[in-house]
Protein backbone atom coordinates (compact mmCIF):
# COMPACT_ATOMS: atom_id res chain seq x y z
CA MET A 1 0.07 0.03 0.21
CA ILE A 2 1.42 3.15 -0.94
CA LEU A 3 1.27 5.97 1.63
CA SER A 4 2.05 9.53 1.54
CA LYS A 5 4.30 11.54 4.37
CA ALA A 6 0.73 13.25 4.80
CA ASN A 7 -1.27 9.70 5.53
CA LEU A 8 1.67 9.04 8.32
CA SER A 9 1.55 12.28 9.92
CA ALA A 10 -1.85 11.98 11.09
CA VAL A 11 -0.01 10.06 13.68
CA LEU A 12 1.24 13.36 15.56
CA ILE A 13 -1.93 14.02 17.50
CA ALA A 14 -2.06 10.69 18.71
CA ALA A 15 -2.26 10.31 22.57
CA ASP A 16 0.33 8.61 24.66
CA ASP A 17 -1.96 7.65 27.22
CA LYS A 18 -1.35 4.44 29.09
CA THR A 19 -4.86 4.40 30.26
CA ILE A 20 -6.20 4.18 26.65
CA PRO A 21 -3.41 2.48 24.79
CA MET A 22 -5.84 2.16 21.54
CA LEU A 23 -4.80 5.83 21.20
CA HIS A 24 -1.45 5.59 20.92
CA ASN A 25 -1.78 4.14 17.50
CA LEU A 26 -2.33 4.75 13.99
CA HIS A 27 -5.01 2.82 11.98
CA LEU A 28 -5.02 2.21 8.38
CA CYS A 29 -8.02 1.31 6.54
CA GLU A 30 -8.70 -0.89 3.41
CA ASP A 31 -8.75 2.05 1.08
CA GLY A 32 -5.36 3.90 2.35
CA THR A 33 -7.20 6.26 4.89
CA THR A 34 -5.13 6.66 7.65
CA VAL A 35 -7.11 7.68 11.23
CA ALA A 36 -5.51 8.88 14.44
CA ALA A 37 -7.19 10.27 17.78
CA ASN A 38 -6.70 11.65 21.13
CA GLY A 39 -9.50 11.12 23.36
CA ARG A 40 -10.75 14.75 22.16
CA ALA A 41 -10.03 14.84 18.27
CA ILE A 42 -10.15 12.35 15.47
CA LEU A 43 -7.94 12.92 12.51
CA ALA A 44 -8.72 11.10 8.96
CA VAL A 45 -6.33 11.57 5.99
CA SER A 46 -7.64 10.29 2.43
CA PRO A 47 -5.49 7.53 0.32
CA VAL A 48 -2.90 8.77 -2.12
CA PRO A 49 -4.89 9.35 -5.42
CA GLU A 50 -4.56 6.68 -8.19
CA LYS A 51 -3.14 9.10 -10.47
CA ILE A 52 0.04 10.21 -7.65
CA ARG A 53 0.08 6.28 -7.34
CA GLU A 54 0.78 5.71 -10.95
CA GLY A 55 3.27 8.41 -11.17
CA LEU A 56 5.64 6.76 -8.58
CA GLY A 57 7.56 4.69 -11.11
CA TYR A 58 10.36 3.95 -8.81
CA MET A 59 8.14 2.30 -5.91
CA GLU A 60 5.99 -0.73 -6.16
CA ASP A 61 2.77 -0.60 -4.70
CA SER A 62 2.05 -3.80 -3.42
CA GLY A 63 -1.41 -3.38 -2.26
CA SER A 64 -3.92 -2.76 0.28
CA LEU A 65 -3.40 -4.46 4.11
CA GLY A 66 -6.63 -4.38 5.10
CA GLU A 67 -7.41 -2.85 8.14
CA VAL A 68 -4.38 -2.77 10.31
CA THR A 69 -3.41 -0.56 13.48
CA LEU A 70 0.16 0.49 14.26
CA ALA A 71 1.99 1.81 17.07
CA ALA A 72 2.81 5.59 17.19
CA ASP A 73 6.31 5.47 17.96
CA THR A 74 6.83 3.00 14.78
CA VAL A 75 5.07 5.23 12.44
CA LYS A 76 6.95 8.38 13.59
CA GLU A 77 10.24 6.39 12.93
CA VAL A 78 9.08 6.16 9.43
CA LEU A 79 8.65 9.76 9.40
CA ARG A 80 12.01 10.55 10.71
CA ASN A 81 13.66 8.59 8.09
CA MET A 82 11.08 9.44 4.91
CA PRO A 83 13.59 11.60 2.46
CA ARG A 84 12.61 14.91 2.44
CA ASP A 85 12.00 16.15 -1.24
CA ALA A 86 12.24 20.02 -2.38
CA LYS A 87 13.83 18.83 -5.91
CA PHE A 88 11.29 16.35 -7.23
CA GLY A 89 7.96 18.31 -5.97
CA GLY A 90 7.45 15.48 -3.02
CA LEU A 91 7.50 12.65 -5.27
CA LEU A 92 10.10 11.03 -2.91
CA GLU A 93 8.06 11.53 0.13
CA PHE A 94 6.33 8.33 -0.13
CA THR A 95 6.40 4.65 1.21
CA ASP A 96 5.12 0.97 0.68
CA ALA A 97 3.80 -0.56 3.32
CA HIS A 98 3.56 -4.42 3.00
CA ARG A 99 2.41 -7.27 5.27
CA GLN A 100 5.16 -9.71 6.81
CA THR A 101 4.92 -12.15 9.40
CA GLY A 102 4.11 -10.60 12.41
CA GLY A 103 3.59 -7.25 11.24
CA VAL A 104 4.03 -4.87 8.80
CA ARG A 105 7.22 -3.57 6.59
CA PHE A 106 7.61 -0.24 5.37
CA ARG A 107 9.91 0.51 2.25
CA LEU A 108 11.93 3.79 1.84
CA LEU A 109 13.62 5.44 -1.12
CA ASP A 110 15.63 8.48 -1.17
CA GLY A 111 16.56 8.21 -4.97
CA MET A 112 19.70 6.72 -4.11
CA ARG A 113 19.33 3.99 -1.05
CA GLU A 114 16.43 1.99 0.48
CA LYS A 115 15.74 1.46 4.08
CA SER A 116 12.70 -0.79 5.31
CA ILE A 117 11.42 -0.35 8.86
CA GLY A 118 9.22 -3.22 10.47
CA ALA A 119 6.31 -2.51 12.73
CA LYS A 120 3.96 -4.71 14.81
CA VAL A 121 0.39 -4.84 14.38
CA TYR A 122 -1.59 -3.90 17.47
CA ALA A 123 -4.08 -6.97 18.17
CA ARG A 124 -6.82 -5.33 19.67
CA PRO A 125 -9.65 -3.91 17.31
CA TYR A 126 -9.88 -0.08 16.61
CA PHE A 127 -12.81 2.28 17.81
CA ALA A 128 -15.46 2.96 15.59
CA PHE A 129 -13.95 6.22 14.51
CA ARG A 130 -16.69 6.03 11.40
CA ALA A 131 -19.85 6.31 13.77
CA ALA A 132 -18.28 9.58 15.09
CA PHE A 133 -17.83 11.31 11.70
CA THR A 134 -21.44 10.21 10.84
CA ALA A 135 -22.58 11.59 13.86
CA ALA A 136 -20.94 15.24 13.13
CA PHE A 137 -22.25 15.15 9.48
CA GLY A 138 -25.83 14.38 10.84
CA ALA A 139 -25.44 17.30 13.33
CA GLY A 140 -26.17 19.97 11.09
CA THR A 141 -23.91 22.89 10.47
CA ALA A 142 -24.45 26.24 12.55
CA CYS A 143 -21.96 28.53 11.07
CA ARG A 144 -19.46 28.16 8.09
CA VAL A 145 -16.34 30.23 7.76
CA VAL A 146 -13.12 29.93 5.49
CA LEU A 147 -9.67 30.80 7.17
CA ASN A 148 -6.20 31.07 6.20
CA ARG A 149 -4.68 27.94 8.25
CA LYS A 150 -1.41 29.59 8.26
CA ARG A 151 -2.44 32.63 9.64
CA LEU A 152 -4.62 30.87 11.86
CA THR A 153 -1.97 28.37 13.48
CA SER A 154 0.46 31.42 13.87
CA LEU A 155 -2.26 33.30 15.63
CA LEU A 156 -2.86 30.36 17.92
CA VAL A 157 0.92 29.82 18.37
CA ALA A 158 1.01 33.58 19.70
CA LEU A 159 -2.05 33.17 22.10
CA ASP A 160 -0.45 30.20 23.74
CA LYS A 161 2.84 31.91 24.15
CA ILE A 162 1.23 35.31 25.67
CA CYS A 163 -1.35 33.21 27.92
CA PRO A 164 0.29 30.00 28.87
CA ASP A 165 -1.75 27.48 30.69
CA THR A 166 0.11 24.91 33.12
CA SER A 167 -3.11 22.97 33.75
CA GLY A 168 -2.72 21.77 30.33
CA GLU A 169 -6.14 22.24 29.18
CA ALA A 170 -5.41 25.53 27.53
CA PRO A 171 -8.95 26.58 26.69
CA VAL A 172 -9.20 29.20 23.32
CA TYR A 173 -12.92 30.61 23.51
CA LEU A 174 -13.92 30.96 19.63
CA GLU A 175 -16.88 33.62 18.69
CA PHE A 176 -18.44 33.65 15.00
CA THR A 177 -19.58 37.17 14.54
CA LYS A 178 -22.52 38.05 12.12
CA GLY A 179 -19.73 39.27 9.54
CA ASP A 180 -18.14 35.82 9.29
CA ASP A 181 -15.13 36.89 11.41
CA VAL A 182 -13.96 34.96 14.38
CA LEU A 183 -13.32 36.36 17.73
CA LEU A 184 -10.57 34.61 19.80
CA ARG A 185 -10.26 35.16 23.81
CA ALA A 186 -7.74 33.37 25.95
CA GLU A 187 -6.55 33.78 29.78
CA GLY A 188 -3.22 32.86 31.19
CA ASN A 189 -1.78 31.70 34.44
CA THR A 190 -1.42 35.42 35.72
CA GLY A 191 -4.68 36.12 34.97
CA GLN A 192 -3.85 38.30 31.78
CA ARG A 193 -6.18 38.02 29.10
CA VAL A 194 -5.35 38.26 25.07
CA LEU A 195 -8.11 39.62 22.57
CA ALA A 196 -7.81 38.70 18.64
CA LEU A 197 -10.04 39.16 15.65
CA MET A 198 -9.62 37.03 12.44
CA LYS A 199 -11.11 37.91 9.39
CA ALA A 200 -12.63 35.58 7.11
CA TYR A 201 -12.14 34.43 3.45
CA SER A 202 -14.67 36.36 1.26
CA GLY A 203 -15.32 36.39 -2.72
CA GLY A 204 -13.65 33.74 -4.33
CA GLU A 205 -11.63 32.46 -1.49
CA GLY A 206 -14.56 31.91 0.68
CA GLN A 207 -16.17 29.39 -1.97
CA TRP A 208 -17.14 26.28 0.49
CA LEU A 209 -15.17 23.18 -0.16
CA PRO A 210 -18.06 20.63 -1.03
CA VAL A 211 -18.45 17.17 0.42
CA GLY A 212 -16.57 14.74 -1.55
CA ASP A 213 -16.98 10.87 -2.07
CA TRP A 214 -14.29 10.06 0.29
CA GLU A 215 -16.05 11.86 3.07
CA ARG A 216 -19.15 10.43 2.54
CA ALA A 217 -17.82 7.02 2.54
CA MET A 218 -16.22 7.98 5.97
CA SER A 219 -19.44 9.27 7.54
CA ALA A 220 -22.27 7.57 5.43
CA VAL A 221 -23.48 10.95 4.07
CA GLU A 222 -25.52 10.16 1.01
CA LYS A 223 -25.03 12.23 -2.20
CA PRO A 224 -27.64 14.76 -2.28
CA LYS A 225 -30.50 13.48 -4.92
CA ARG A 226 -30.64 16.37 -8.06
CA LYS A 227 -34.46 17.82 -7.93
CA PRO A 228 -36.18 16.60 -11.08
CA THR A 229 -36.47 19.52 -13.75
CA ARG A 230 -39.77 20.28 -14.40
CA LYS A 231 -40.48 20.11 -18.58
CA LYS A 232 -41.53 23.79 -19.26
CA THR A 233 -44.88 23.47 -20.75
CA ALA A 234 -46.37 26.23 -23.17
CA HIS A 235 -49.29 28.34 -21.70
CA PRO A 236 -52.97 27.18 -22.88
CA LYS A 237 -53.32 30.19 -25.14
CA LEU A 238 -50.14 29.64 -26.62
CA LYS A 239 -51.10 26.15 -27.40
CA ASN A 240 -54.35 27.07 -29.00
CA ALA A 241 -52.72 29.93 -31.44
CA ILE A 242 -49.86 27.55 -32.49
CA SER A 243 -52.53 24.78 -33.59
CA ASP A 244 -54.62 27.29 -35.32
CA GLU A 245 -52.05 28.63 -37.23
CA ALA A 246 -51.10 25.10 -37.75
CA ARG A 247 -54.57 24.40 -39.30
């Protein structure tokens, strides 16, 4: 199975929780989707597109692994050993994972050398993450805004440094204005507060991302049915006029 750096990077949110060892893993789905969770959030990354897989002529695709769950530490090791590719547009930032006795082996190539890393399969079943996505999609949407994620990330990093929270909770309070902007508030250990306002995209950049086939499969959301187009019929008087003229 061909997996990208993006697929493996889902493991970065996995929780190292001794009370819930299931969360310290990366789950691989039969179609190549990767999933990780930490008890508060679930992150899923779609499979590598077929066009991209076909373009990786240097790497053989060993096919689907089925549903397997791997230890987070091993996946992070694969990420550390994955070549950084700025020369070929990211074409080297892929790995082929194939079954072996007792686990899975990742094959890595940097254009010159080959490296492989073995991983044991987590024996217990993974939690029902699809049900969580189904519930989320079915709950409806109260507000939709489109933000620049890099600007949002830098803003959240700044808030975290300005308002450190030793409790580990680190809450941030978000409000969506009627103008579709985002108001962020936080409070640090000293009682000092921070107030930030982020503008949402509008115009062409603010076009909403439609739900795709992969997201529907993950969440059991049905594709909206097209409303049948009503055939336009001529007004009765116009019909009579046409028929009289024909006669």
